Amino acid sequence: MKWILKSHPKVKLDIKALDKKDKQIVRKSIERIKLNPLRYKRLTSYKDLYSFRAGKIRIIYLLKDSIIWIIIIEKRSKVYSLLSERYDTLGPDVSS
């Protein structure tokens, strides 16, 4: 299956806040996710949400049809506390 990659508007800010090394790790990790997004950890508290661990960084993404929606890229200590706010701002066409 050919996956299309899209992201929450705040993901650009997430990436901008990372240091150079973490940015490289995230870039490689997103490429791995695109190859097989169903391979990684599924979150039980949200429908169709997955987590990819990239060192100290977590990439949370949503699978909707053939689209991978990157929701948040953040350190593990913050990612789950910010997740519900990001998820709620996706809109009904994405999160339903």
N, C-alpha and C. Protein backbone atom coordinates (compact mmCIF):
# COMPACT_ATOMS: atom_id res chain seq x y z
N MET A 1 0.84 -1.18 0.00
CA MET A 1 0.00 0.00 0.00
C MET A 1 0.88 1.25 0.00
N LYS A 2 0.49 2.21 -0.76
CA LYS A 2 1.20 3.49 -0.83
C LYS A 2 0.60 4.43 0.22
N TRP A 3 1.42 4.87 1.15
CA TRP A 3 0.96 5.75 2.23
C TRP A 3 1.29 7.20 1.91
N ILE A 4 0.37 8.09 2.27
CA ILE A 4 0.55 9.53 2.13
C ILE A 4 0.82 10.08 3.53
N LEU A 5 1.79 10.96 3.63
CA LEU A 5 2.18 11.51 4.92
C LEU A 5 1.64 12.93 5.06
N LYS A 6 0.92 13.16 6.16
CA LYS A 6 0.44 14.50 6.51
C LYS A 6 0.73 14.72 7.98
N SER A 7 0.63 15.97 8.43
CA SER A 7 0.92 16.22 9.83
C SER A 7 0.02 17.31 10.41
N HIS A 8 -0.11 17.25 11.72
CA HIS A 8 -0.79 18.28 12.49
C HIS A 8 0.00 19.58 12.30
N PRO A 9 -0.66 20.73 12.24
CA PRO A 9 0.07 22.00 12.04
C PRO A 9 1.16 22.28 13.09
N LYS A 10 1.02 21.76 14.29
CA LYS A 10 2.01 22.03 15.34
C LYS A 10 3.24 21.12 15.27
N VAL A 11 3.21 20.13 14.39
CA VAL A 11 4.36 19.23 14.28
C VAL A 11 5.61 19.97 13.81
N LYS A 12 5.44 20.97 12.96
CA LYS A 12 6.60 21.76 12.52
C LYS A 12 7.28 22.42 13.72
N LEU A 13 6.49 22.90 14.67
CA LEU A 13 7.06 23.50 15.88
C LEU A 13 7.76 22.45 16.74
N ASP A 14 7.18 21.25 16.78
CA ASP A 14 7.81 20.15 17.52
C ASP A 14 9.21 19.86 16.97
N ILE A 15 9.30 19.77 15.66
CA ILE A 15 10.58 19.46 15.02
C ILE A 15 11.57 20.61 15.20
N LYS A 16 11.09 21.82 15.09
CA LYS A 16 11.96 22.99 15.25
C LYS A 16 12.59 23.04 16.65
N ALA A 17 11.89 22.55 17.65
CA ALA A 17 12.39 22.59 19.02
C ALA A 17 13.44 21.52 19.30
N LEU A 18 13.61 20.55 18.41
CA LEU A 18 14.57 19.48 18.62
C LEU A 18 15.99 19.93 18.27
N ASP A 19 16.97 19.27 18.87
CA ASP A 19 18.35 19.55 18.48
C ASP A 19 18.67 18.82 17.17
N LYS A 20 19.83 19.11 16.62
CA LYS A 20 20.20 18.59 15.29
C LYS A 20 20.19 17.06 15.24
N LYS A 21 20.74 16.43 16.26
CA LYS A 21 20.81 14.97 16.31
C LYS A 21 19.40 14.36 16.33
N ASP A 22 18.52 14.91 17.17
CA ASP A 22 17.15 14.39 17.26
C ASP A 22 16.38 14.61 15.97
N LYS A 23 16.64 15.72 15.28
CA LYS A 23 15.98 15.97 13.99
C LYS A 23 16.34 14.88 12.98
N GLN A 24 17.61 14.49 12.95
CA GLN A 24 18.04 13.43 12.05
C GLN A 24 17.38 12.10 12.41
N ILE A 25 17.30 11.81 13.70
CA ILE A 25 16.65 10.58 14.16
C ILE A 25 15.19 10.57 13.75
N VAL A 26 14.51 11.69 13.94
CA VAL A 26 13.09 11.79 13.58
C VAL A 26 12.90 11.62 12.07
N ARG A 27 13.74 12.23 11.29
CA ARG A 27 13.64 12.12 9.83
C ARG A 27 13.75 10.65 9.38
N LYS A 28 14.73 9.94 9.91
CA LYS A 28 14.90 8.52 9.58
C LYS A 28 13.72 7.69 10.10
N SER A 29 13.23 8.03 11.26
CA SER A 29 12.12 7.29 11.86
C SER A 29 10.84 7.44 11.04
N ILE A 30 10.59 8.63 10.54
CA ILE A 30 9.40 8.85 9.71
C ILE A 30 9.49 8.03 8.43
N GLU A 31 10.67 7.91 7.88
CA GLU A 31 10.84 7.06 6.69
C GLU A 31 10.53 5.60 7.02
N ARG A 32 10.95 5.14 8.19
CA ARG A 32 10.63 3.77 8.61
C ARG A 32 9.14 3.58 8.82
N ILE A 33 8.50 4.58 9.39
CA ILE A 33 7.05 4.51 9.60
C ILE A 33 6.33 4.40 8.26
N LYS A 34 6.76 5.18 7.28
CA LYS A 34 6.12 5.16 5.96
C LYS A 34 6.21 3.79 5.29
N LEU A 35 7.26 3.04 5.56
CA LEU A 35 7.42 1.72 4.97
C LEU A 35 6.39 0.72 5.49
N ASN A 36 6.13 0.75 6.80
CA ASN A 36 5.17 -0.17 7.39
C ASN A 36 4.59 0.42 8.68
N PRO A 37 3.61 1.30 8.57
CA PRO A 37 3.09 1.98 9.76
C PRO A 37 2.33 1.06 10.72
N LEU A 38 1.87 -0.08 10.26
CA LEU A 38 1.12 -1.00 11.12
C LEU A 38 2.03 -1.82 12.02
N ARG A 39 3.31 -1.76 11.80
CA ARG A 39 4.27 -2.56 12.54
C ARG A 39 4.47 -2.10 13.97
N TYR A 40 4.25 -0.85 14.25
CA TYR A 40 4.64 -0.27 15.53
C TYR A 40 3.51 -0.30 16.56
N LYS A 41 3.83 0.12 17.76
CA LYS A 41 2.93 -0.02 18.91
C LYS A 41 1.62 0.74 18.73
N ARG A 42 0.53 0.03 18.87
CA ARG A 42 -0.80 0.64 18.80
C ARG A 42 -1.19 1.11 20.19
N LEU A 43 -1.69 2.33 20.28
CA LEU A 43 -2.12 2.87 21.57
C LEU A 43 -3.52 2.38 21.87
N THR A 44 -3.73 1.90 23.07
CA THR A 44 -5.03 1.32 23.42
C THR A 44 -6.09 2.36 23.74
N SER A 45 -5.67 3.55 24.12
CA SER A 45 -6.63 4.56 24.55
C SER A 45 -7.24 5.36 23.40
N TYR A 46 -6.69 5.23 22.19
CA TYR A 46 -7.21 5.96 21.03
C TYR A 46 -7.33 5.00 19.86
N LYS A 47 -8.36 5.20 19.07
CA LYS A 47 -8.57 4.36 17.90
C LYS A 47 -7.59 4.74 16.79
N ASP A 48 -6.91 3.75 16.24
CA ASP A 48 -6.00 3.90 15.10
C ASP A 48 -4.79 4.80 15.37
N LEU A 49 -4.39 4.97 16.61
CA LEU A 49 -3.20 5.75 16.95
C LEU A 49 -2.05 4.80 17.27
N TYR A 50 -0.86 5.16 16.78
CA TYR A 50 0.33 4.35 16.96
C TYR A 50 1.46 5.20 17.52
N SER A 51 2.40 4.53 18.17
CA SER A 51 3.55 5.20 18.75
C SER A 51 4.83 4.58 18.21
N PHE A 52 5.77 5.43 17.84
CA PHE A 52 7.09 4.98 17.40
C PHE A 52 8.11 5.59 18.35
N ARG A 53 8.94 4.74 18.93
CA ARG A 53 9.96 5.22 19.85
C ARG A 53 11.26 5.44 19.09
N ALA A 54 11.74 6.67 19.12
CA ALA A 54 13.00 7.04 18.47
C ALA A 54 13.92 7.61 19.54
N GLY A 55 14.58 6.75 20.29
CA GLY A 55 15.41 7.21 21.41
C GLY A 55 14.53 7.79 22.50
N LYS A 56 14.81 9.02 22.88
CA LYS A 56 14.00 9.68 23.92
C LYS A 56 12.76 10.36 23.33
N ILE A 57 12.63 10.32 22.02
CA ILE A 57 11.53 10.98 21.31
C ILE A 57 10.44 9.96 20.98
N ARG A 58 9.19 10.40 21.06
CA ARG A 58 8.06 9.58 20.62
C ARG A 58 7.39 10.28 19.45
N ILE A 59 7.03 9.49 18.45
CA ILE A 59 6.28 9.98 17.31
C ILE A 59 4.92 9.29 17.38
N ILE A 60 3.88 10.07 17.57
CA ILE A 60 2.53 9.53 17.63
C ILE A 60 1.85 9.85 16.31
N TYR A 61 1.25 8.83 15.71
CA TYR A 61 0.60 9.03 14.42
C TYR A 61 -0.71 8.28 14.34
N LEU A 62 -1.55 8.76 13.45
CA LEU A 62 -2.89 8.21 13.23
C LEU A 62 -2.95 7.66 11.81
N LEU A 63 -3.54 6.50 11.66
CA LEU A 63 -3.76 5.93 10.33
C LEU A 63 -5.22 6.11 9.95
N LYS A 64 -5.45 6.78 8.86
CA LYS A 64 -6.81 7.03 8.37
C LYS A 64 -6.80 6.80 6.87
N ASP A 65 -7.51 5.77 6.43
CA ASP A 65 -7.51 5.35 5.03
C ASP A 65 -6.06 5.08 4.62
N SER A 66 -5.53 5.76 3.65
CA SER A 66 -4.14 5.55 3.23
C SER A 66 -3.24 6.72 3.64
N ILE A 67 -3.65 7.43 4.68
CA ILE A 67 -2.92 8.61 5.15
C ILE A 67 -2.33 8.34 6.53
N ILE A 68 -1.06 8.70 6.68
CA ILE A 68 -0.41 8.68 7.99
C ILE A 68 -0.40 10.12 8.48
N TRP A 69 -1.14 10.39 9.55
CA TRP A 69 -1.19 11.72 10.14
C TRP A 69 -0.24 11.75 11.33
N ILE A 70 0.85 12.49 11.22
CA ILE A 70 1.75 12.67 12.35
C ILE A 70 1.08 13.66 13.30
N ILE A 71 0.82 13.22 14.51
CA ILE A 71 0.08 14.04 15.48
C ILE A 71 1.02 14.85 16.36
N ILE A 72 2.05 14.19 16.87
CA ILE A 72 2.95 14.87 17.80
C ILE A 72 4.33 14.20 17.78
N ILE A 73 5.35 15.01 17.89
CA ILE A 73 6.74 14.54 18.03
C ILE A 73 7.30 15.25 19.25
N GLU A 74 7.54 14.48 20.29
CA GLU A 74 7.93 15.11 21.56
C GLU A 74 8.66 14.09 22.42
N LYS A 75 9.35 14.57 23.43
CA LYS A 75 9.99 13.68 24.41
C LYS A 75 8.91 12.92 25.16
N ARG A 76 9.26 11.72 25.59
CA ARG A 76 8.28 10.87 26.23
C ARG A 76 7.67 11.52 27.46
N SER A 77 8.44 12.29 28.18
CA SER A 77 7.95 12.93 29.40
C SER A 77 6.79 13.90 29.14
N LYS A 78 6.68 14.41 27.92
CA LYS A 78 5.63 15.38 27.60
C LYS A 78 4.58 14.86 26.63
N VAL A 79 4.93 13.87 25.84
CA VAL A 79 4.09 13.50 24.69
C VAL A 79 2.68 13.08 25.09
N TYR A 80 2.53 12.29 26.12
CA TYR A 80 1.21 11.77 26.45
C TYR A 80 0.32 12.81 27.12
N SER A 81 0.93 13.78 27.80
CA SER A 81 0.12 14.84 28.40
C SER A 81 -0.40 15.82 27.33
N LEU A 82 0.33 15.97 26.23
CA LEU A 82 -0.08 16.87 25.15
C LEU A 82 -0.95 16.18 24.09
N LEU A 83 -0.99 14.87 24.11
CA LEU A 83 -1.64 14.12 23.05
C LEU A 83 -3.13 14.39 22.92
N SER A 84 -3.86 14.41 24.02
CA SER A 84 -5.32 14.57 23.93
C SER A 84 -5.70 15.91 23.31
N GLU A 85 -4.96 16.96 23.64
CA GLU A 85 -5.24 18.28 23.04
C GLU A 85 -5.01 18.25 21.53
N ARG A 86 -3.91 17.66 21.11
CA ARG A 86 -3.61 17.57 19.67
C ARG A 86 -4.64 16.72 18.94
N TYR A 87 -4.98 15.61 19.54
CA TYR A 87 -5.93 14.69 18.92
C TYR A 87 -7.28 15.37 18.74
N ASP A 88 -7.70 16.13 19.75
CA ASP A 88 -9.02 16.80 19.68
C ASP A 88 -9.05 17.92 18.64
N THR A 89 -7.90 18.47 18.28
CA THR A 89 -7.88 19.57 17.31
C THR A 89 -7.69 19.09 15.86
N LEU A 90 -7.70 17.78 15.65
CA LEU A 90 -7.55 17.26 14.29
C LEU A 90 -8.76 17.51 13.42
N GLY A 91 -9.92 17.52 14.01
CA GLY A 91 -11.14 17.73 13.23
C GLY A 91 -11.84 16.40 12.98
N PRO A 92 -13.13 16.47 12.71
CA PRO A 92 -13.94 15.25 12.57
C PRO A 92 -13.59 14.41 11.34
N ASP A 93 -13.13 15.02 10.27
CA ASP A 93 -12.82 14.25 9.06
C ASP A 93 -11.57 13.39 9.23
N VAL A 94 -10.71 13.73 10.19
CA VAL A 94 -9.48 12.96 10.41
C VAL A 94 -9.67 11.96 11.54
N SER A 95 -10.17 12.41 12.67
CA SER A 95 -10.20 11.56 13.87
C SER A 95 -11.44 10.68 13.98
N SER A 96 -12.39 10.81 13.11
CA SER A 96 -13.59 9.96 13.23
C SER A 96 -13.41 8.64 12.54
